[in-house]
Amino acid sequence: MKKIVLIPTYNEKENIAAIISKVLSFPSSYHILVIDDGSPDGTAEIVRGIMQENPDRVFIECRAGKLGLGTAYIHGFKWALANQYDYIIEMDADFSHNPEDLDRLAAACDQGADVAIGSRYVKGGKTENWPLDRKIYSQGGSAYTRLITGMPIKDPTAGFVCYKSKVLAAINLDKIKFIGYAFQIEMKFAAWKLGFIIKEVPITFVDRKIGISKMTKGIIKEAVLGVLNMQLLHIRGRFIKHIKRVYF
């Protein structure tokens, strides 16, 4: 299988060389696409230097500015589909996702999953170095999402995910609206509604040790309100389809 790891970046010069080096060290031969949102700290220049030594495995797409996590991944998904990758994996640049788990996610897809989620909240999963308030926000958000959407996914906001290309090809990526962490929920919701097989793989999520967190109150608000709006739109769509089927 042709596999690629998508890494969105904004000011990750402290982490980017190390994370790329780690991924390249695996015998599984993952490719890497960095989607950089105009980092003023020189992240893109570091990646270009690495590309000179690994022109067939490391790639970069540079965007004009900080446009949001969701749009970065959508950009990466389209690039990966155009370049015919079979497994397309989301991963953070800051080592909060352990690259050692890449093979476990890919293996879950090898064994029948269409979407493999690196999960903090299934048996065996956990978080490290998180303050109490972040644990409350995260676990409460996961419970809230399951309640509103009905998705049987214990970690719907997880950002360490392996998609088979057929999943991303089936989702209308231009209709994915959220740009923060609600994007992760919306993608899983879309895959679930399309009937794809989703498996959660336990991981340990470690809070970043270097650099600044991108989490903001606005991102949390988007997730809370976005989940409700997403489900209401889905219900509205089903209602309209029913009316058309009955009366037209």
C-alpha atoms as a PDB file:
ATOM      1  CA  MET A   1       0.000   0.000   0.000  1.00  0.00           C
ATOM      2  CA  LYS A   2       1.161   3.515  -0.817  1.00  0.00           C
ATOM      3  CA  LYS A   3       0.987   5.464   2.468  1.00  0.00           C
ATOM      4  CA  ILE A   4       1.382   9.154   3.246  1.00  0.00           C
ATOM      5  CA  VAL A   5       1.431  11.095   6.505  1.00  0.00           C
ATOM      6  CA  LEU A   6      -0.093  14.572   6.390  1.00  0.00           C
ATOM      7  CA  ILE A   7       1.411  17.066   8.841  1.00  0.00           C
ATOM      8  CA  PRO A   8      -0.133  20.562   8.978  1.00  0.00           C
ATOM      9  CA  THR A   9       2.231  23.175  10.401  1.00  0.00           C
ATOM     10  CA  TYR A  10       2.280  26.695  11.697  1.00  0.00           C
ATOM     11  CA  ASN A  11       5.441  27.733  13.563  1.00  0.00           C
ATOM     12  CA  GLU A  12       6.784  24.239  14.214  1.00  0.00           C
ATOM     13  CA  LYS A  13      10.501  24.801  13.621  1.00  0.00           C
ATOM     14  CA  GLU A  14      11.353  23.178  16.967  1.00  0.00           C
ATOM     15  CA  ASN A  15       9.606  19.929  16.033  1.00  0.00           C
ATOM     16  CA  ILE A  16       9.406  19.506  12.279  1.00  0.00           C
ATOM     17  CA  ALA A  17      12.868  18.107  11.523  1.00  0.00           C
ATOM     18  CA  ALA A  18      12.650  15.572  14.352  1.00  0.00           C
ATOM     19  CA  ILE A  19       9.149  14.360  13.454  1.00  0.00           C
ATOM     20  CA  ILE A  20      10.077  13.934   9.776  1.00  0.00           C
ATOM     21  CA  SER A  21      13.281  12.097  10.686  1.00  0.00           C
ATOM     22  CA  LYS A  22      11.348   9.713  12.915  1.00  0.00           C
ATOM     23  CA  VAL A  23       8.740   8.901  10.266  1.00  0.00           C
ATOM     24  CA  LEU A  24      11.419   8.375   7.612  1.00  0.00           C
ATOM     25  CA  SER A  25      13.242   5.942   9.903  1.00  0.00           C
ATOM     26  CA  PHE A  26      10.527   3.282   9.677  1.00  0.00           C
ATOM     27  CA  PRO A  27      10.971   0.394   7.229  1.00  0.00           C
ATOM     28  CA  SER A  28       7.314   0.790   6.245  1.00  0.00           C
ATOM     29  CA  SER A  29       8.360   3.604   3.871  1.00  0.00           C
ATOM     30  CA  TYR A  30       5.806   6.282   4.658  1.00  0.00           C
ATOM     31  CA  HIS A  31       5.786   9.394   2.544  1.00  0.00           C
ATOM     32  CA  ILE A  32       5.221  12.787   4.195  1.00  0.00           C
ATOM     33  CA  LEU A  33       3.326  15.865   3.058  1.00  0.00           C
ATOM     34  CA  VAL A  34       3.752  18.998   5.150  1.00  0.00           C
ATOM     35  CA  ILE A  35       1.010  21.596   4.677  1.00  0.00           C
ATOM     36  CA  ASP A  36       2.485  24.838   5.968  1.00  0.00           C
ATOM     37  CA  ASP A  37       0.361  27.923   6.556  1.00  0.00           C
ATOM     38  CA  GLY A  38       3.013  30.546   5.916  1.00  0.00           C
ATOM     39  CA  SER A  39       4.929  29.946   9.150  1.00  0.00           C
ATOM     40  CA  PRO A  40       7.023  33.062   9.856  1.00  0.00           C
ATOM     41  CA  ASP A  41       9.490  31.027  11.952  1.00  0.00           C
ATOM     42  CA  GLY A  42      11.047  29.245   8.951  1.00  0.00           C
ATOM     43  CA  THR A  43       9.295  25.875   9.242  1.00  0.00           C
ATOM     44  CA  ALA A  44       8.927  25.608   5.457  1.00  0.00           C
ATOM     45  CA  GLU A  45      12.610  26.326   4.859  1.00  0.00           C
ATOM     46  CA  ILE A  46      13.557  23.474   7.195  1.00  0.00           C
ATOM     47  CA  VAL A  47      11.273  21.105   5.295  1.00  0.00           C
ATOM     48  CA  ARG A  48      12.701  22.177   1.941  1.00  0.00           C
ATOM     49  CA  GLY A  49      16.182  21.386   3.214  1.00  0.00           C
ATOM     50  CA  ILE A  50      15.058  17.881   4.190  1.00  0.00           C
ATOM     51  CA  MET A  51      13.385  17.442   0.803  1.00  0.00           C
ATOM     52  CA  GLN A  52      16.712  17.855  -0.961  1.00  0.00           C
ATOM     53  CA  GLU A  53      17.918  14.640   0.685  1.00  0.00           C
ATOM     54  CA  ASN A  54      14.548  12.839   0.378  1.00  0.00           C
ATOM     55  CA  PRO A  55      12.959  14.091  -2.853  1.00  0.00           C
ATOM     56  CA  ASP A  56      10.851  10.960  -3.334  1.00  0.00           C
ATOM     57  CA  ARG A  57       9.392  10.785   0.186  1.00  0.00           C
ATOM     58  CA  VAL A  58       9.034  14.311   1.569  1.00  0.00           C
ATOM     59  CA  PHE A  59       6.814  16.986   0.017  1.00  0.00           C
ATOM     60  CA  ILE A  60       5.496  20.377   1.034  1.00  0.00           C
ATOM     61  CA  GLU A  61       2.502  22.507   0.124  1.00  0.00           C
ATOM     62  CA  CYS A  62       2.758  26.126   1.256  1.00  0.00           C
ATOM     63  CA  ARG A  63      -0.317  28.266   1.754  1.00  0.00           C
ATOM     64  CA  ALA A  64      -0.552  32.032   1.981  1.00  0.00           C
ATOM     65  CA  GLY A  65      -1.457  32.288   5.662  1.00  0.00           C
ATOM     66  CA  LYS A  66      -2.981  30.685   8.733  1.00  0.00           C
ATOM     67  CA  LEU A  67      -6.178  29.265   7.249  1.00  0.00           C
ATOM     68  CA  GLY A  68      -7.082  26.630   9.832  1.00  0.00           C
ATOM     69  CA  LEU A  69      -6.475  22.963  10.559  1.00  0.00           C
ATOM     70  CA  GLY A  70      -9.489  21.704   8.650  1.00  0.00           C
ATOM     71  CA  THR A  71      -8.676  23.483   5.404  1.00  0.00           C
ATOM     72  CA  ALA A  72      -5.058  22.319   5.681  1.00  0.00           C
ATOM     73  CA  TYR A  73      -6.146  18.708   5.882  1.00  0.00           C
ATOM     74  CA  ILE A  74      -8.654  19.116   3.043  1.00  0.00           C
ATOM     75  CA  HIS A  75      -5.819  20.534   0.929  1.00  0.00           C
ATOM     76  CA  GLY A  76      -3.676  17.543   1.899  1.00  0.00           C
ATOM     77  CA  PHE A  77      -6.441  15.021   1.224  1.00  0.00           C
ATOM     78  CA  LYS A  78      -6.967  16.332  -2.289  1.00  0.00           C
ATOM     79  CA  TRP A  79      -3.224  16.319  -2.963  1.00  0.00           C
ATOM     80  CA  ALA A  80      -2.897  12.741  -1.696  1.00  0.00           C
ATOM     81  CA  LEU A  81      -5.864  11.508  -3.742  1.00  0.00           C
ATOM     82  CA  ALA A  82      -4.477  13.193  -6.867  1.00  0.00           C
ATOM     83  CA  ASN A  83      -1.179  11.387  -6.258  1.00  0.00           C
ATOM     84  CA  GLN A  84      -2.896   8.022  -5.769  1.00  0.00           C
ATOM     85  CA  TYR A  85      -2.056   7.194  -2.170  1.00  0.00           C
ATOM     86  CA  ASP A  86      -3.936   4.256  -0.640  1.00  0.00           C
ATOM     87  CA  TYR A  87      -3.633   5.160   3.064  1.00  0.00           C
ATOM     88  CA  ILE A  88      -3.753   8.815   4.089  1.00  0.00           C
ATOM     89  CA  ILE A  89      -2.839   9.561   7.696  1.00  0.00           C
ATOM     90  CA  GLU A  90      -3.359  12.698   9.778  1.00  0.00           C
ATOM     91  CA  MET A  91      -0.698  13.408  12.400  1.00  0.00           C
ATOM     92  CA  ASP A  92       0.392  16.388  14.517  1.00  0.00           C
ATOM     93  CA  ALA A  93       3.895  17.820  14.197  1.00  0.00           C
ATOM     94  CA  ASP A  94       4.555  18.156  17.922  1.00  0.00           C
ATOM     95  CA  PHE A  95       4.949  14.469  18.958  1.00  0.00           C
ATOM     96  CA  SER A  96       1.628  14.472  20.820  1.00  0.00           C
ATOM     97  CA  HIS A  97       0.940  11.605  18.411  1.00  0.00           C
ATOM     98  CA  ASN A  98       3.635   8.966  18.703  1.00  0.00           C
ATOM     99  CA  PRO A  99       4.976   8.056  15.238  1.00  0.00           C
ATOM    100  CA  GLU A 100       5.566   4.547  16.594  1.00  0.00           C
ATOM    101  CA  ASP A 101       1.780   4.083  16.364  1.00  0.00           C
ATOM    102  CA  LEU A 102       1.649   4.674  12.615  1.00  0.00           C
ATOM    103  CA  ASP A 103       2.078   0.989  11.834  1.00  0.00           C
ATOM    104  CA  ARG A 104      -0.732   0.083  14.252  1.00  0.00           C
ATOM    105  CA  LEU A 105      -3.162   2.416  12.484  1.00  0.00           C
ATOM    106  CA  ALA A 106      -2.137   1.119   9.065  1.00  0.00           C
ATOM    107  CA  ALA A 107      -2.468  -2.465  10.330  1.00  0.00           C
ATOM    108  CA  ALA A 108      -6.049  -1.788  11.439  1.00  0.00           C
ATOM    109  CA  CYS A 109      -6.851  -0.753   7.874  1.00  0.00           C
ATOM    110  CA  ASP A 110      -5.011  -3.796   6.533  1.00  0.00           C
ATOM    111  CA  GLN A 111      -7.311  -5.888   8.731  1.00  0.00           C
ATOM    112  CA  GLY A 112     -10.557  -4.427   7.413  1.00  0.00           C
ATOM    113  CA  ALA A 113     -11.095  -0.953   8.836  1.00  0.00           C
ATOM    114  CA  ASP A 114     -11.787   1.864   6.401  1.00  0.00           C
ATOM    115  CA  VAL A 115     -10.936   4.480   9.036  1.00  0.00           C
ATOM    116  CA  ALA A 116      -8.527   3.772  11.930  1.00  0.00           C
ATOM    117  CA  ILE A 117      -8.595   6.275  14.788  1.00  0.00           C
ATOM    118  CA  GLY A 118      -5.790   6.681  17.305  1.00  0.00           C
ATOM    119  CA  SER A 119      -8.045   6.828  20.351  1.00  0.00           C
ATOM    120  CA  ARG A 120      -7.414   8.175  23.848  1.00  0.00           C
ATOM    121  CA  TYR A 121     -10.662   6.842  25.229  1.00  0.00           C
ATOM    122  CA  VAL A 122     -10.927   3.172  24.304  1.00  0.00           C
ATOM    123  CA  LYS A 123      -9.462   0.518  26.594  1.00  0.00           C
ATOM    124  CA  GLY A 124      -5.679   0.935  26.641  1.00  0.00           C
ATOM    125  CA  GLY A 125      -5.765   4.562  25.485  1.00  0.00           C
ATOM    126  CA  LYS A 126      -4.757   7.463  27.712  1.00  0.00           C
ATOM    127  CA  THR A 127      -3.389  11.002  27.908  1.00  0.00           C
ATOM    128  CA  GLU A 128      -0.233  12.279  29.597  1.00  0.00           C
ATOM    129  CA  ASN A 129       0.741  15.719  30.918  1.00  0.00           C
ATOM    130  CA  TRP A 130      -2.758  17.144  30.579  1.00  0.00           C
ATOM    131  CA  PRO A 131      -4.131  19.652  33.100  1.00  0.00           C
ATOM    132  CA  LEU A 132      -7.458  18.780  34.701  1.00  0.00           C
ATOM    133  CA  ASP A 133      -9.440  21.407  32.783  1.00  0.00           C
ATOM    134  CA  ARG A 134      -8.280  20.050  29.429  1.00  0.00           C
ATOM    135  CA  LYS A 135      -9.251  16.507  30.439  1.00  0.00           C
ATOM    136  CA  ILE A 136     -12.707  17.760  31.382  1.00  0.00           C
ATOM    137  CA  TYR A 137     -13.126  19.664  28.108  1.00  0.00           C
ATOM    138  CA  SER A 138     -11.947  16.721  26.016  1.00  0.00           C
ATOM    139  CA  GLN A 139     -13.855  13.916  27.709  1.00  0.00           C
ATOM    140  CA  GLY A 140     -16.944  16.073  28.119  1.00  0.00           C
ATOM    141  CA  GLY A 141     -16.767  17.044  24.456  1.00  0.00           C
ATOM    142  CA  SER A 142     -16.520  13.419  23.405  1.00  0.00           C
ATOM    143  CA  ALA A 143     -19.540  12.446  25.505  1.00  0.00           C
ATOM    144  CA  TYR A 144     -21.502  15.438  24.185  1.00  0.00           C
ATOM    145  CA  THR A 145     -20.658  14.521  20.585  1.00  0.00           C
ATOM    146  CA  ARG A 146     -21.785  10.923  21.035  1.00  0.00           C
ATOM    147  CA  LEU A 147     -25.023  12.099  22.655  1.00  0.00           C
ATOM    148  CA  ILE A 148     -25.897  14.600  19.910  1.00  0.00           C
ATOM    149  CA  THR A 149     -24.793  12.618  16.847  1.00  0.00           C
ATOM    150  CA  GLY A 150     -25.262   9.022  17.949  1.00  0.00           C
ATOM    151  CA  MET A 151     -21.820   8.122  16.604  1.00  0.00           C
ATOM    152  CA  PRO A 152     -20.417   5.032  18.371  1.00  0.00           C
ATOM    153  CA  ILE A 153     -16.960   6.610  18.503  1.00  0.00           C
ATOM    154  CA  LYS A 154     -15.368   7.233  21.890  1.00  0.00           C
ATOM    155  CA  ASP A 155     -12.796   9.760  20.670  1.00  0.00           C
ATOM    156  CA  PRO A 156     -14.541  11.764  17.932  1.00  0.00           C
ATOM    157  CA  THR A 157     -12.133  14.725  18.199  1.00  0.00           C
ATOM    158  CA  ALA A 158      -9.041  12.534  17.699  1.00  0.00           C
ATOM    159  CA  GLY A 159      -6.578  13.934  15.179  1.00  0.00           C
ATOM    160  CA  PHE A 160      -4.453  10.820  14.611  1.00  0.00           C
ATOM    161  CA  VAL A 161      -6.404   9.050  11.879  1.00  0.00           C
ATOM    162  CA  CYS A 162      -5.711   6.732   8.952  1.00  0.00           C
ATOM    163  CA  TYR A 163      -8.171   6.903   6.066  1.00  0.00           C
ATOM    164  CA  LYS A 164      -8.346   4.548   3.150  1.00  0.00           C
ATOM    165  CA  SER A 165      -8.435   6.587  -0.038  1.00  0.00           C
ATOM    166  CA  LYS A 166     -11.900   5.294  -0.934  1.00  0.00           C
ATOM    167  CA  VAL A 167     -13.310   7.021   2.157  1.00  0.00           C
ATOM    168  CA  LEU A 168     -11.915  10.425   1.242  1.00  0.00           C
ATOM    169  CA  ALA A 169     -12.966   9.927  -2.375  1.00  0.00           C
ATOM    170  CA  ALA A 170     -16.536   9.220  -1.244  1.00  0.00           C
ATOM    171  CA  ILE A 171     -16.818  12.256   1.045  1.00  0.00           C
ATOM    172  CA  ASN A 172     -17.598  15.568  -0.633  1.00  0.00           C
ATOM    173  CA  LEU A 173     -14.597  17.389   0.803  1.00  0.00           C
ATOM    174  CA  ASP A 174     -15.829  20.741  -0.484  1.00  0.00           C
ATOM    175  CA  LYS A 175     -18.812  20.475   1.874  1.00  0.00           C
ATOM    176  CA  ILE A 176     -16.719  19.978   5.008  1.00  0.00           C
ATOM    177  CA  LYS A 177     -17.231  23.297   6.747  1.00  0.00           C
ATOM    178  CA  PHE A 178     -15.366  23.344  10.044  1.00  0.00           C
ATOM    179  CA  ILE A 179     -11.785  24.536  10.336  1.00  0.00           C
ATOM    180  CA  GLY A 180     -10.880  23.787  13.980  1.00  0.00           C
ATOM    181  CA  TYR A 181     -11.188  20.590  15.973  1.00  0.00           C
ATOM    182  CA  ALA A 182     -14.837  20.266  14.935  1.00  0.00           C
ATOM    183  CA  PHE A 183     -13.381  19.329  11.553  1.00  0.00           C
ATOM    184  CA  GLN A 184     -12.277  16.023  13.067  1.00  0.00           C
ATOM    185  CA  ILE A 185     -15.811  15.314  14.237  1.00  0.00           C
ATOM    186  CA  GLU A 186     -17.334  16.269  10.902  1.00  0.00           C
ATOM    187  CA  MET A 187     -15.004  13.951   8.960  1.00  0.00           C
ATOM    188  CA  LYS A 188     -15.779  10.982  11.200  1.00  0.00           C
ATOM    189  CA  PHE A 189     -19.495  11.764  11.061  1.00  0.00           C
ATOM    190  CA  ALA A 190     -19.396  11.835   7.258  1.00  0.00           C
ATOM    191  CA  ALA A 191     -17.516   8.523   7.068  1.00  0.00           C
ATOM    192  CA  TRP A 192     -19.881   6.911   9.569  1.00  0.00           C
ATOM    193  CA  LYS A 193     -23.001   8.072   7.737  1.00  0.00           C
ATOM    194  CA  LEU A 194     -21.604   6.650   4.500  1.00  0.00           C
ATOM    195  CA  GLY A 195     -21.340   3.247   6.181  1.00  0.00           C
ATOM    196  CA  PHE A 196     -17.573   2.862   6.309  1.00  0.00           C
ATOM    197  CA  ILE A 197     -15.981   0.590   8.903  1.00  0.00           C
ATOM    198  CA  ILE A 198     -14.382   2.612  11.702  1.00  0.00           C
ATOM    199  CA  LYS A 199     -12.023   1.134  14.284  1.00  0.00           C
ATOM    200  CA  GLU A 200     -10.467   2.837  17.300  1.00  0.00           C
ATOM    201  CA  VAL A 201      -6.888   1.878  18.157  1.00  0.00           C
ATOM    202  CA  PRO A 202      -5.684   2.759  21.681  1.00  0.00           C
ATOM    203  CA  ILE A 203      -2.874   5.312  21.867  1.00  0.00           C
ATOM    204  CA  THR A 204      -1.189   7.465  24.482  1.00  0.00           C
ATOM    205  CA  PHE A 205      -1.586  11.151  23.680  1.00  0.00           C
ATOM    206  CA  VAL A 206       1.194  13.259  25.191  1.00  0.00           C
ATOM    207  CA  ASP A 207       0.747  17.019  25.460  1.00  0.00           C
ATOM    208  CA  ARG A 208       3.303  18.935  23.426  1.00  0.00           C
ATOM    209  CA  LYS A 209       6.612  19.649  25.157  1.00  0.00           C
ATOM    210  CA  ILE A 210       7.962  22.194  22.659  1.00  0.00           C
ATOM    211  CA  GLY A 211       6.106  25.050  20.971  1.00  0.00           C
ATOM    212  CA  ILE A 212       2.751  26.692  21.613  1.00  0.00           C
ATOM    213  CA  SER A 213      -0.625  24.942  21.622  1.00  0.00           C
ATOM    214  CA  LYS A 214      -3.039  25.984  18.869  1.00  0.00           C
ATOM    215  CA  MET A 215      -6.110  25.359  21.072  1.00  0.00           C
ATOM    216  CA  THR A 216      -8.243  28.478  21.619  1.00  0.00           C
ATOM    217  CA  LYS A 217     -11.656  29.290  23.117  1.00  0.00           C
ATOM    218  CA  GLY A 218     -12.916  29.940  19.595  1.00  0.00           C
ATOM    219  CA  ILE A 219     -11.991  26.429  18.525  1.00  0.00           C
ATOM    220  CA  ILE A 220     -13.796  24.958  21.538  1.00  0.00           C
ATOM    221  CA  LYS A 221     -16.881  27.078  20.795  1.00  0.00           C
ATOM    222  CA  GLU A 222     -16.871  25.950  17.166  1.00  0.00           C
ATOM    223  CA  ALA A 223     -16.810  22.324  18.276  1.00  0.00           C
ATOM    224  CA  VAL A 224     -19.645  22.705  20.782  1.00  0.00           C
ATOM    225  CA  LEU A 225     -21.979  24.633  18.479  1.00  0.00           C
ATOM    226  CA  GLY A 226     -20.779  22.890  15.343  1.00  0.00           C
ATOM    227  CA  VAL A 227     -21.749  19.414  16.511  1.00  0.00           C
ATOM    228  CA  LEU A 228     -25.311  20.543  17.198  1.00  0.00           C
ATOM    229  CA  ASN A 229     -25.569  22.365  13.878  1.00  0.00           C
ATOM    230  CA  MET A 230     -24.090  19.407  12.007  1.00  0.00           C
ATOM    231  CA  GLN A 231     -26.717  17.034  13.395  1.00  0.00           C
ATOM    232  CA  LEU A 232     -29.552  19.495  12.740  1.00  0.00           C
ATOM    233  CA  LEU A 233     -28.439  19.849   9.119  1.00  0.00           C
ATOM    234  CA  HIS A 234     -28.335  16.071   8.782  1.00  0.00           C
ATOM    235  CA  ILE A 235     -31.864  15.745  10.190  1.00  0.00           C
ATOM    236  CA  ARG A 236     -33.061  18.519   7.876  1.00  0.00           C
ATOM    237  CA  GLY A 237     -31.506  16.746   4.889  1.00  0.00           C
ATOM    238  CA  ARG A 238     -33.219  13.473   5.783  1.00  0.00           C
ATOM    239  CA  PHE A 239     -36.550  15.286   6.174  1.00  0.00           C
ATOM    240  CA  ILE A 240     -36.246  16.944   2.768  1.00  0.00           C
ATOM    241  CA  LYS A 241     -35.384  13.607   1.131  1.00  0.00           C
ATOM    242  CA  HIS A 242     -38.448  12.036   2.788  1.00  0.00           C
ATOM    243  CA  ILE A 243     -40.743  14.826   1.550  1.00  0.00           C
ATOM    244  CA  LYS A 244     -39.404  14.509  -1.988  1.00  0.00           C
ATOM    245  CA  ARG A 245     -39.834  10.728  -1.918  1.00  0.00           C
ATOM    246  CA  VAL A 246     -43.409  10.924  -0.631  1.00  0.00           C
ATOM    247  CA  TYR A 247     -44.781  13.902  -2.530  1.00  0.00           C
ATOM    248  CA  PHE A 248     -42.756  14.254  -5.732  1.00  0.00           C
END
